[in-house]
């Protein structure tokens, strides 16, 4: 099963069947494709050389297409990518192609990436069939002009929300209080936790966005960044009228000692060390991550809370809506000498066999298949019995590809969700089902000129927001300093910034 294109043991487990056109494989001639792909700290630790990755080796065997990975130095990905683009010396395929300034559309318009629109049906029949099997998949994988300039990771469904409010069960037990639903109830719960010995009960900082996660500020309509308001127009969260009330609340909480003192600077490792300590009762993070750090490593049970609201009975809202376009984006470059082979390799990821290998790795030692034809990680397999003793959070990259240009089956193939005893998937489903995410900005496309200007303005606005909001919360500025912030934001181009996003949203809606 690992060495043939037989997929009869795999079922049709989603609303739309996964394509299985294997006519192009094995490839008709000897070919090696140069593939640029950035590493990450986890992947580099489990597989320093991507040319040795077991998933890609299996794909080479099944497709008959050899790969030569070009991997930038860790931490230098952006610099090396820009230097590569500027040089004009491009590989055949770039994975992570949306790094291009201005995105995929700019890469096509400026001659770096191929326009695949006219060849996708012939050279990529599986990708074409999969992206066209659902309107959201189609709409999010084409430019405003109707150009197919990249190969996008596409999910069979809208993935669950991955980030929210998590509470240690022991803190609920010690305080005797229910899961808080309102901001006031959350405050009272944190005060009670402090009285029970949790010296810094709310871990407020987040390397996913610091204080702007939307979990608390969203109750005041002060969303992290851009969102779509009730009139369908783009708005900027930090400029909303509830901002002063939000900042007043958080300044008071800071004075009461309810937040971790290093919330503005703590990195991931610091936050996780604080999370497992007796100082912390509440985290704002991913339940996948906290299942590993809290439950699996330290036997700390936890539960989820919805984003708090101001008034009892109000609908919780969030901006963490996942669209069916997900994962990484690949592009075939204009320097590619064998476009048909490059397309064939990328297309394999959208076959049933490709879905299995990218998400679940090899059959027999990493996964098995149940009676419905759905792969799963079995208790005695490598995913849960790594010979090197690596944690599962690392093995999602060692034995499978966690983030690629493929059919990403996160709900079933993320072992942090599916592991015996894990309830992170239940939490993510609960958040997704019970919070309104209609305000989320869809994956719009900015033109090259818009992207350049948006980058300039966005940097100015985010720096200004971070400085003012942080100083106000820590009491270094009065809350009324917010008025000065808002005046400065307007003077520094906030309205122009919003107009850029509005134009992109209008074009997206017209696709």
Protein backbone atom coordinates (compact mmCIF):
# COMPACT_ATOMS: atom_id res chain seq x y z
CA UNK A 1 0.00 0.00 0.00
CA UNK A 2 2.94 2.33 0.54
CA UNK A 3 4.54 1.59 -2.84
CA UNK A 4 1.55 1.43 -5.21
CA UNK A 5 -1.17 3.80 -6.34
CA UNK A 6 -3.87 1.48 -5.04
CA UNK A 7 -6.33 3.52 -2.99
CA UNK A 8 -9.27 1.11 -2.82
CA UNK A 9 -8.89 0.77 0.96
CA UNK A 10 -9.56 4.50 1.41
CA UNK A 11 -13.15 5.68 1.73
CA UNK A 12 -15.09 8.74 0.61
CA UNK A 13 -15.39 10.30 4.05
CA UNK A 14 -16.19 13.92 3.16
CA UNK A 15 -19.13 15.68 1.54
CA UNK A 16 -17.26 15.78 -1.77
CA UNK A 17 -15.22 12.74 -2.86
CA UNK A 18 -11.48 13.32 -3.13
CA UNK A 19 -10.31 12.97 -6.76
CA UNK A 20 -8.18 9.98 -7.75
CA UNK A 21 -6.91 10.54 -11.26
CA UNK A 22 -3.48 8.84 -11.36
CA UNK A 23 -3.03 8.84 -15.12
CA UNK A 24 0.13 10.96 -14.89
CA UNK A 25 1.96 8.56 -12.54
CA UNK A 26 4.54 7.26 -12.50
CA UNK A 27 5.99 10.17 -14.48
CA UNK A 28 6.89 9.33 -18.08
CA UNK A 29 10.53 10.41 -17.96
CA UNK A 30 13.35 11.04 -15.53
CA UNK A 31 13.05 14.48 -13.98
CA UNK A 32 14.26 16.30 -10.86
CA UNK A 33 12.49 19.41 -9.61
CA UNK A 34 14.15 22.06 -7.48
CA UNK A 35 11.76 22.98 -4.65
CA UNK A 36 12.31 26.00 -2.35
CA UNK A 37 10.69 25.43 1.03
CA UNK A 38 11.32 27.18 4.32
CA UNK A 39 11.98 25.11 7.41
CA UNK A 40 10.71 25.76 10.93
CA UNK A 41 12.22 25.08 14.32
CA UNK A 42 10.26 21.86 14.87
CA UNK A 43 10.75 20.45 11.39
CA UNK A 44 14.45 21.22 11.43
CA UNK A 45 14.82 19.38 14.74
CA UNK A 46 13.18 16.18 13.48
CA UNK A 47 14.41 16.32 9.87
CA UNK A 48 17.36 18.66 9.28
CA UNK A 49 17.44 17.81 5.54
CA UNK A 50 14.07 17.83 3.78
CA UNK A 51 15.56 15.62 1.08
CA UNK A 52 15.51 12.87 3.70
CA UNK A 53 11.92 13.43 4.86
CA UNK A 54 10.05 10.14 4.74
CA UNK A 55 6.84 11.72 3.36
CA UNK A 56 8.60 13.37 0.43
CA UNK A 57 10.58 10.20 -0.24
CA UNK A 58 7.33 8.25 -0.45
CA UNK A 59 5.85 10.86 -2.77
CA UNK A 60 8.90 10.61 -5.03
CA UNK A 61 8.47 6.85 -5.27
CA UNK A 62 4.78 7.03 -6.11
CA UNK A 63 4.94 9.91 -8.60
CA UNK A 64 8.27 8.99 -10.22
CA UNK A 65 9.31 12.65 -9.83
CA UNK A 66 12.52 13.40 -7.94
CA UNK A 67 12.80 16.43 -5.66
CA UNK A 68 15.76 18.56 -4.68
CA UNK A 69 14.86 20.75 -1.72
CA UNK A 70 16.44 24.17 -1.31
CA UNK A 71 16.00 25.21 2.31
CA UNK A 72 16.85 28.72 3.56
CA UNK A 73 18.65 29.18 6.86
CA UNK A 74 16.36 29.12 9.88
CA UNK A 75 15.40 32.68 10.76
CA UNK A 76 16.61 34.04 7.42
CA UNK A 77 13.72 32.82 5.29
CA UNK A 78 12.37 36.25 4.39
CA UNK A 79 15.75 37.70 3.50
CA UNK A 80 16.80 34.70 1.43
CA UNK A 81 13.43 34.60 -0.34
CA UNK A 82 13.68 38.26 -1.33
CA UNK A 83 17.26 37.84 -2.52
CA UNK A 84 16.22 34.84 -4.59
CA UNK A 85 13.35 36.72 -6.22
CA UNK A 86 15.55 39.75 -6.90
CA UNK A 87 18.23 37.58 -8.52
CA UNK A 88 15.82 36.10 -11.05
CA UNK A 89 17.41 32.68 -10.43
CA UNK A 90 14.35 30.73 -9.39
CA UNK A 91 13.70 27.05 -8.61
CA UNK A 92 10.97 25.07 -10.32
CA UNK A 93 8.56 25.28 -7.38
CA UNK A 94 8.28 27.59 -4.39
CA UNK A 95 6.32 26.38 -1.37
CA UNK A 96 5.30 29.35 0.73
CA UNK A 97 4.96 31.40 -2.44
CA UNK A 98 2.65 33.92 -0.80
CA UNK A 99 5.75 35.43 0.82
CA UNK A 100 6.04 37.42 -2.38
CA UNK A 101 5.48 41.13 -1.73
CA UNK A 102 1.94 41.77 -2.90
CA UNK A 103 1.12 38.05 -2.79
CA UNK A 104 0.55 35.50 -5.53
CA UNK A 105 -1.12 37.98 -7.90
CA UNK A 106 1.94 40.24 -7.78
CA UNK A 107 4.21 37.26 -8.35
CA UNK A 108 2.32 36.45 -11.54
CA UNK A 109 2.03 40.04 -12.73
CA UNK A 110 5.73 40.70 -12.19
CA UNK A 111 6.87 37.60 -14.01
CA UNK A 112 8.08 35.37 -11.17
CA UNK A 113 5.17 32.90 -11.04
CA UNK A 114 3.38 31.18 -13.88
CA UNK A 115 -0.24 31.88 -14.63
CA UNK A 116 -1.69 28.36 -14.41
CA UNK A 117 -5.22 29.32 -15.48
CA UNK A 118 -5.00 27.83 -18.96
CA UNK A 119 -3.19 24.64 -17.97
CA UNK A 120 -4.72 23.69 -14.63
CA UNK A 121 -7.48 21.50 -16.09
CA UNK A 122 -5.04 19.54 -18.25
CA UNK A 123 -1.97 19.40 -16.02
CA UNK A 124 -3.70 19.40 -12.63
CA UNK A 125 -7.00 17.54 -13.00
CA UNK A 126 -7.22 16.61 -9.31
CA UNK A 127 -6.54 20.10 -7.99
CA UNK A 128 -8.97 21.54 -10.53
CA UNK A 129 -11.72 19.11 -9.54
CA UNK A 130 -11.17 19.61 -5.80
CA UNK A 131 -11.10 23.42 -5.83
CA UNK A 132 -14.20 23.54 -8.05
CA UNK A 133 -16.17 21.09 -5.89
CA UNK A 134 -17.08 23.86 -3.44
CA UNK A 135 -17.79 27.56 -3.97
CA UNK A 136 -15.70 28.75 -1.03
CA UNK A 137 -12.75 26.65 -2.21
CA UNK A 138 -13.10 28.09 -5.69
CA UNK A 139 -13.51 31.69 -4.57
CA UNK A 140 -10.54 31.69 -2.21
CA UNK A 141 -8.10 30.11 -4.67
CA UNK A 142 -8.36 32.60 -7.54
CA UNK A 143 -7.27 36.21 -7.82
CA UNK A 144 -9.68 39.09 -8.27
CA UNK A 145 -8.96 38.93 -12.00
CA UNK A 146 -9.79 35.22 -12.16
CA UNK A 147 -6.18 34.09 -12.39
CA UNK A 148 -5.01 30.81 -10.86
CA UNK A 149 -1.50 31.79 -9.87
CA UNK A 150 -0.82 29.32 -7.10
CA UNK A 151 -1.69 25.93 -5.67
CA UNK A 152 -3.31 26.42 -2.28
CA UNK A 153 -3.78 24.14 0.66
CA UNK A 154 -7.51 23.44 0.72
CA UNK A 155 -9.49 21.75 3.50
CA UNK A 156 -12.51 19.47 3.09
CA UNK A 157 -14.34 21.62 5.66
CA UNK A 158 -14.02 24.85 7.64
CA UNK A 159 -11.50 24.00 10.32
CA UNK A 160 -12.43 24.63 13.92
CA UNK A 161 -11.33 27.75 15.75
CA UNK A 162 -7.95 27.07 17.33
CA UNK A 163 -7.52 29.82 19.96
CA UNK A 164 -9.51 30.89 22.99
CA UNK A 165 -9.98 31.08 26.75
CA UNK A 166 -8.89 28.02 28.76
CA UNK A 167 -9.34 27.53 32.51
CA UNK A 168 -7.70 25.04 34.86
CA UNK A 169 -10.34 22.76 36.35
CA UNK A 170 -8.59 22.94 39.71
CA UNK A 171 -9.14 26.72 39.77
CA UNK A 172 -12.87 26.24 39.24
CA UNK A 173 -12.90 23.63 41.99
CA UNK A 174 -10.98 25.80 44.46
CA UNK A 175 -13.12 28.89 43.90
CA UNK A 176 -16.41 27.03 43.61
CA UNK A 177 -17.40 29.38 40.79
CA UNK A 178 -18.92 28.42 37.43
CA UNK A 179 -17.24 29.05 34.10
CA UNK A 180 -17.47 32.83 33.58
CA UNK A 181 -19.66 34.10 30.77
CA UNK A 182 -19.34 37.87 31.10
CA UNK A 183 -16.38 40.20 31.54
CA UNK A 184 -17.55 40.99 35.07
CA UNK A 185 -17.81 37.29 35.91
CA UNK A 186 -14.32 36.72 34.52
CA UNK A 187 -13.04 39.54 36.74
CA UNK A 188 -14.71 38.09 39.82
CA UNK A 189 -13.34 34.64 38.99
CA UNK A 190 -9.78 36.00 38.64
CA UNK A 191 -10.10 37.82 41.98
CA UNK A 192 -11.25 34.59 43.61
CA UNK A 193 -8.34 32.74 42.00
CA UNK A 194 -5.91 35.29 43.43
CA UNK A 195 -7.41 34.75 46.86
CA UNK A 196 -6.81 31.02 46.40
CA UNK A 197 -3.10 31.56 45.76
CA UNK A 198 -2.89 32.02 41.99
CA UNK A 199 -0.65 35.08 42.16
CA UNK A 200 -0.99 35.99 38.45
CA UNK A 201 -4.23 34.24 37.52
CA UNK A 202 -4.67 35.45 33.91
CA UNK A 203 -1.86 34.78 31.48
CA UNK A 204 -2.68 37.79 29.36
CA UNK A 205 0.23 37.99 26.95
CA UNK A 206 0.26 35.96 23.77
CA UNK A 207 2.91 35.51 21.14
CA UNK A 208 -0.03 35.11 18.73
CA UNK A 209 -0.86 38.80 19.10
CA UNK A 210 0.01 39.98 22.59
CA UNK A 211 -2.99 41.76 24.15
CA UNK A 212 -4.96 41.86 20.92
CA UNK A 213 -6.38 38.34 20.79
CA UNK A 214 -9.98 39.50 20.61
CA UNK A 215 -10.92 37.30 23.56
CA UNK A 216 -11.57 40.16 26.00
CA UNK A 217 -11.30 43.24 23.80
CA UNK A 218 -13.83 41.69 21.42
CA UNK A 219 -16.51 42.09 24.06
CA UNK A 220 -16.15 45.84 23.52
CA UNK A 221 -16.05 45.56 19.73
CA UNK A 222 -12.36 46.45 19.82
CA UNK A 223 -11.12 43.66 17.56
CA UNK A 224 -7.45 42.88 16.98
CA UNK A 225 -7.15 44.42 13.54
CA UNK A 226 -9.49 44.67 10.57
CA UNK A 227 -12.97 43.16 10.64
CA UNK A 228 -16.23 43.40 8.70
CA UNK A 229 -18.85 45.49 10.52
CA UNK A 230 -22.62 45.03 10.53
CA UNK A 231 -22.91 47.04 7.32
CA UNK A 232 -20.42 44.81 5.50
CA UNK A 233 -17.73 47.49 5.60
CA UNK A 234 -14.12 47.14 6.71
CA UNK A 235 -13.40 48.62 10.15
CA UNK A 236 -10.28 48.80 12.31
CA UNK A 237 -10.72 47.30 15.76
CA UNK A 238 -8.49 49.64 17.81
CA UNK A 239 -10.48 52.65 16.57
CA UNK A 240 -13.87 51.47 17.82
CA UNK A 241 -15.85 53.46 20.36
CA UNK A 242 -15.60 50.79 23.07
CA UNK A 243 -11.80 51.10 23.22
CA UNK A 244 -11.65 53.44 26.22
CA UNK A 245 -13.95 51.23 28.24
CA UNK A 246 -11.84 48.20 27.37
CA UNK A 247 -8.60 49.99 28.29
CA UNK A 248 -10.11 51.20 31.55
CA UNK A 249 -11.08 47.63 32.42
CA UNK A 250 -7.64 46.21 31.68
CA UNK A 251 -5.84 49.03 33.49
CA UNK A 252 -7.90 48.22 36.56
CA UNK A 253 -7.17 44.50 36.25
CA UNK A 254 -3.47 45.26 35.94
CA UNK A 255 -3.59 47.39 39.10
CA UNK A 256 -5.33 44.53 40.91
CA UNK A 257 -2.51 42.14 39.94
CA UNK A 258 -4.74 39.84 37.90
CA UNK A 259 -2.36 39.62 34.90
CA UNK A 260 1.03 37.99 34.54
CA UNK A 261 3.54 40.77 35.12
CA UNK A 262 5.56 39.98 31.97
CA UNK A 263 2.52 39.87 29.68
CA UNK A 264 3.95 42.40 27.21
CA UNK A 265 7.28 40.61 26.66
CA UNK A 266 6.97 36.92 27.51
CA UNK A 267 7.88 34.52 24.70
CA UNK A 268 6.29 31.12 24.14
CA UNK A 269 8.60 29.20 26.47
CA UNK A 270 8.11 31.73 29.27
CA UNK A 271 4.36 31.56 28.88
CA UNK A 272 4.30 27.76 28.97
CA UNK A 273 6.49 27.72 32.10
CA UNK A 274 4.08 30.15 33.74
CA UNK A 275 1.08 28.15 32.56
CA UNK A 276 2.11 24.97 34.36
CA UNK A 277 3.07 26.85 37.53
CA UNK A 278 0.76 27.45 40.45
CA UNK A 279 0.59 31.15 39.58
CA UNK A 280 -1.65 30.75 36.53
CA UNK A 281 -5.33 29.78 36.41
CA UNK A 282 -6.42 30.98 32.96
CA UNK A 283 -4.69 30.89 29.57
CA UNK A 284 -5.52 32.40 26.19
CA UNK A 285 -4.10 29.84 23.79
CA UNK A 286 -4.63 26.74 21.67
CA UNK A 287 -6.21 23.71 23.36
CA UNK A 288 -3.91 21.50 21.27
CA UNK A 289 -0.89 23.19 22.84
CA UNK A 290 -2.34 23.20 26.32
CA UNK A 291 -3.44 19.58 26.14
CA UNK A 292 0.25 18.77 25.66
CA UNK A 293 1.61 21.12 28.33
CA UNK A 294 -1.21 20.94 30.87
CA UNK A 295 -2.85 17.54 30.61
CA UNK A 296 -0.33 15.24 28.96
CA UNK A 297 2.83 16.50 30.68
CA UNK A 298 1.46 17.74 34.01
CA UNK A 299 -1.94 16.05 34.42
CA UNK A 300 -3.72 19.40 34.71
CA UNK A 301 -7.32 19.17 33.51
CA UNK A 302 -8.82 22.21 31.85
CA UNK A 303 -12.04 23.44 30.30
CA UNK A 304 -12.98 26.03 27.71
CA UNK A 305 -14.89 29.26 28.10
CA UNK A 306 -16.48 31.24 25.32
CA UNK A 307 -15.18 34.74 24.70
CA UNK A 308 -16.79 36.78 27.48
CA UNK A 309 -19.57 39.23 26.68
CA UNK A 310 -20.62 42.44 28.40
CA UNK A 311 -24.21 41.41 29.09
CA UNK A 312 -25.51 38.02 30.12
CA UNK A 313 -27.13 36.29 27.17
CA UNK A 314 -25.26 38.21 24.47
CA UNK A 315 -23.75 36.17 21.63
CA UNK A 316 -20.02 35.57 21.95
CA UNK A 317 -18.09 36.69 18.89
CA UNK A 318 -14.68 35.94 17.48
CA UNK A 319 -12.57 36.67 14.40
CA UNK A 320 -10.97 33.21 14.20
CA UNK A 321 -13.03 31.87 11.34
CA UNK A 322 -11.14 29.42 9.18
CA UNK A 323 -11.87 29.44 5.47
CA UNK A 324 -11.46 26.28 3.42
CA UNK A 325 -8.28 27.69 1.91
CA UNK A 326 -5.64 26.76 4.46
CA UNK A 327 -2.08 25.55 4.87
CA UNK A 328 0.66 26.66 2.49
CA UNK A 329 0.66 27.99 -1.06
CA UNK A 330 2.89 26.70 -3.85
CA UNK A 331 3.76 28.34 -7.15
CA UNK A 332 5.42 27.11 -10.32
CA UNK A 333 7.99 29.68 -11.34
CA UNK A 334 8.65 31.13 -14.76
CA UNK A 335 12.12 29.52 -14.62
CA UNK A 336 10.65 26.02 -14.46
CA UNK A 337 11.85 23.94 -17.42
CA UNK A 338 9.28 21.16 -17.04
CA UNK A 339 6.00 22.82 -16.14
CA UNK A 340 3.96 19.70 -16.78
CA UNK A 341 6.03 17.66 -14.31
CA UNK A 342 5.93 20.41 -11.69
CA UNK A 343 2.15 20.59 -12.00
CA UNK A 344 1.91 16.80 -11.81
CA UNK A 345 3.87 16.71 -8.58
CA UNK A 346 1.73 19.42 -6.98
CA UNK A 347 -1.44 17.80 -8.29
CA UNK A 348 -0.69 14.51 -6.53
CA UNK A 349 -1.37 16.23 -3.19
CA UNK A 350 -5.03 16.50 -4.25
CA UNK A 351 -5.54 12.81 -4.96
CA UNK A 352 -6.93 10.38 -2.44
CA UNK A 353 -3.52 8.77 -2.10
CA UNK A 354 -1.89 12.16 -1.65
CA UNK A 355 -4.44 13.07 1.04
CA UNK A 356 -3.47 9.92 2.92
CA UNK A 357 0.29 10.41 2.74
CA UNK A 358 0.52 14.13 3.45
CA UNK A 359 -1.84 13.92 6.42
CA UNK A 360 -1.20 10.47 7.84
CA UNK A 361 2.21 9.36 6.59
CA UNK A 362 2.93 5.75 5.71
CA UNK A 363 0.48 2.90 6.12
CA UNK A 364 1.23 0.16 8.63
CA UNK A 365 3.81 1.85 10.85
CA UNK A 366 2.33 5.35 11.28
CA UNK A 367 -1.36 4.82 10.50
CA UNK A 368 -3.99 2.21 9.79
CA UNK A 369 -7.42 2.58 8.15
CA UNK A 370 -10.77 2.00 9.85
CA UNK A 371 -13.86 0.24 8.51
CA UNK A 372 -15.05 3.50 6.87
CA UNK A 373 -11.81 3.96 4.98
CA UNK A 374 -10.56 6.78 7.23
CA UNK A 375 -6.88 6.63 8.25
CA UNK A 376 -6.05 6.88 11.95
CA UNK A 377 -2.95 6.82 14.16
CA UNK A 378 -2.95 3.59 16.13
CA UNK A 379 -1.69 3.18 19.68
CA UNK A 380 1.34 1.05 18.79
CA UNK A 381 2.35 3.11 15.74
CA UNK A 382 5.26 5.50 15.39
CA UNK A 383 3.16 8.60 16.00
CA UNK A 384 2.71 7.58 19.62
CA UNK A 385 5.88 5.51 19.99
CA UNK A 386 8.69 7.50 18.46
CA UNK A 387 12.03 5.65 18.81
CA UNK A 388 13.76 8.94 19.65
CA UNK A 389 11.17 9.87 22.26
CA UNK A 390 10.08 13.05 20.49
CA UNK A 391 6.81 14.59 21.74
CA UNK A 392 3.72 14.34 19.55
CA UNK A 393 3.88 18.11 18.99
CA UNK A 394 7.11 17.47 17.04
CA UNK A 395 5.95 14.29 15.35
CA UNK A 396 3.21 16.13 13.46
CA UNK A 397 6.13 17.23 11.25
CA UNK A 398 8.27 14.08 11.40
CA UNK A 399 5.77 11.50 10.17
CA UNK A 400 3.40 13.74 8.20
CA UNK A 401 3.30 17.27 6.72
CA UNK A 402 1.42 19.55 9.08
CA UNK A 403 1.21 22.57 6.78
CA UNK A 404 1.48 22.15 3.02
CA UNK A 405 -0.13 22.79 -0.34
CA UNK A 406 -2.40 19.76 -0.10
CA UNK A 407 -5.79 18.60 1.13
CA UNK A 408 -5.33 19.41 4.82
CA UNK A 409 -7.44 17.13 7.04
CA UNK A 410 -6.72 18.82 10.37
CA UNK A 411 -9.67 17.40 12.32
CA UNK A 412 -8.77 13.78 11.68
CA UNK A 413 -5.02 13.84 11.14
CA UNK A 414 -3.73 16.13 13.87
CA UNK A 415 -2.60 13.63 16.52
CA UNK A 416 -2.81 16.32 19.19
CA UNK A 417 -6.56 16.29 18.53
CA UNK A 418 -7.08 12.58 17.93
CA UNK A 419 -4.81 11.17 20.67
CA UNK A 420 -6.55 9.01 23.25
CA UNK A 421 -7.79 11.23 26.04
CA UNK A 422 -7.37 14.49 24.14
CA UNK A 423 -10.34 16.81 24.30
CA UNK A 424 -8.81 19.70 22.37
CA UNK A 425 -10.91 18.88 19.31
CA UNK A 426 -14.07 19.00 21.42
CA UNK A 427 -13.03 22.43 22.72
CA UNK A 428 -12.30 23.77 19.25
CA UNK A 429 -15.63 22.45 17.99
CA UNK A 430 -17.40 24.03 20.97
CA UNK A 431 -15.83 27.44 20.30
CA UNK A 432 -16.61 27.24 16.59
CA UNK A 433 -20.20 26.16 17.08
CA UNK A 434 -21.08 28.63 19.82
CA UNK A 435 -19.40 31.85 18.73
CA UNK A 436 -20.35 34.16 15.86
CA UNK A 437 -17.45 34.64 13.44
CA UNK A 438 -19.31 36.54 10.73
CA UNK A 439 -17.15 39.62 11.30
CA UNK A 440 -14.00 37.83 10.13
CA UNK A 441 -12.17 39.34 7.15
CA UNK A 442 -12.05 36.81 4.31
CA UNK A 443 -8.75 36.08 2.52
CA UNK A 444 -8.88 39.08 0.21
CA UNK A 445 -6.14 39.98 -2.27
CA UNK A 446 -4.35 43.32 -2.29
CA UNK A 447 -2.72 44.54 -5.49
CA UNK A 448 1.05 45.01 -5.44
CA UNK A 449 0.66 48.76 -5.00
CA UNK A 450 -1.98 48.33 -2.30
CA UNK A 451 0.12 45.77 -0.47
CA UNK A 452 3.16 48.04 -0.42
CA UNK A 453 1.17 50.95 0.94
CA UNK A 454 -0.78 48.76 3.36
CA UNK A 455 2.51 47.44 4.71
CA UNK A 456 3.76 50.96 5.39
CA UNK A 457 0.56 52.12 7.03
CA UNK A 458 0.00 48.87 8.92
CA UNK A 459 3.45 49.03 10.48
CA UNK A 460 2.85 52.61 11.65
CA UNK A 461 -0.60 51.82 13.02
CA UNK A 462 0.39 48.61 14.78
CA UNK A 463 3.43 50.22 16.40
CA UNK A 464 1.27 53.10 17.58
CA UNK A 465 -1.43 50.78 18.89
CA UNK A 466 1.05 48.58 20.75
CA UNK A 467 2.73 51.53 22.43
CA UNK A 468 -0.39 53.42 23.50
CA UNK A 469 -2.45 50.40 24.55
CA UNK A 470 0.40 48.83 26.52
CA UNK A 471 1.27 52.04 28.35
CA UNK A 472 -2.36 52.75 29.17
CA UNK A 473 -2.94 49.25 30.54
CA UNK A 474 0.19 49.45 32.70
CA UNK A 475 -0.87 52.86 34.01
CA UNK A 476 1.99 54.74 32.39
CA UNK A 477 -0.59 56.82 30.51
CA UNK A 478 -4.09 57.86 31.50
CA UNK A 479 -6.97 56.27 29.62
CA UNK A 480 -7.71 59.64 28.05
CA UNK A 481 -4.44 59.27 26.14
CA UNK A 482 -6.51 57.05 23.85
CA UNK A 483 -7.98 60.21 22.29
CA UNK A 484 -4.49 61.31 21.32
CA UNK A 485 -3.83 57.84 19.91
CA UNK A 486 -6.93 57.99 17.74
CA UNK A 487 -6.07 61.48 16.45
CA UNK A 488 -2.55 60.32 15.61
CA UNK A 489 -3.87 57.18 13.89
CA UNK A 490 -6.11 59.29 11.68
CA UNK A 491 -3.28 61.70 10.93
CA UNK A 492 -0.99 58.80 10.03
CA UNK A 493 -3.32 57.37 7.38
CA UNK A 494 -5.93 55.21 9.11
CA UNK A 495 -8.64 56.17 6.62
CA UNK A 496 -6.37 55.40 3.66
CA UNK A 497 -5.49 52.07 5.29
CA UNK A 498 -9.17 51.18 5.56
CA UNK A 499 -9.84 52.23 1.97
CA UNK A 500 -7.22 49.77 0.75
CA UNK A 501 -8.87 46.91 2.60
CA UNK A 502 -12.34 48.01 1.50
CA UNK A 503 -11.33 47.98 -2.15
CA UNK A 504 -9.91 44.47 -1.72
CA UNK A 505 -13.05 43.28 0.05
CA UNK A 506 -15.27 44.70 -2.70
CA UNK A 507 -13.26 42.84 -5.32
CA UNK A 508 -13.37 39.63 -3.30
CA UNK A 509 -17.14 39.82 -2.94
CA UNK A 510 -17.44 40.26 -6.71
CA UNK A 511 -15.39 37.13 -7.58
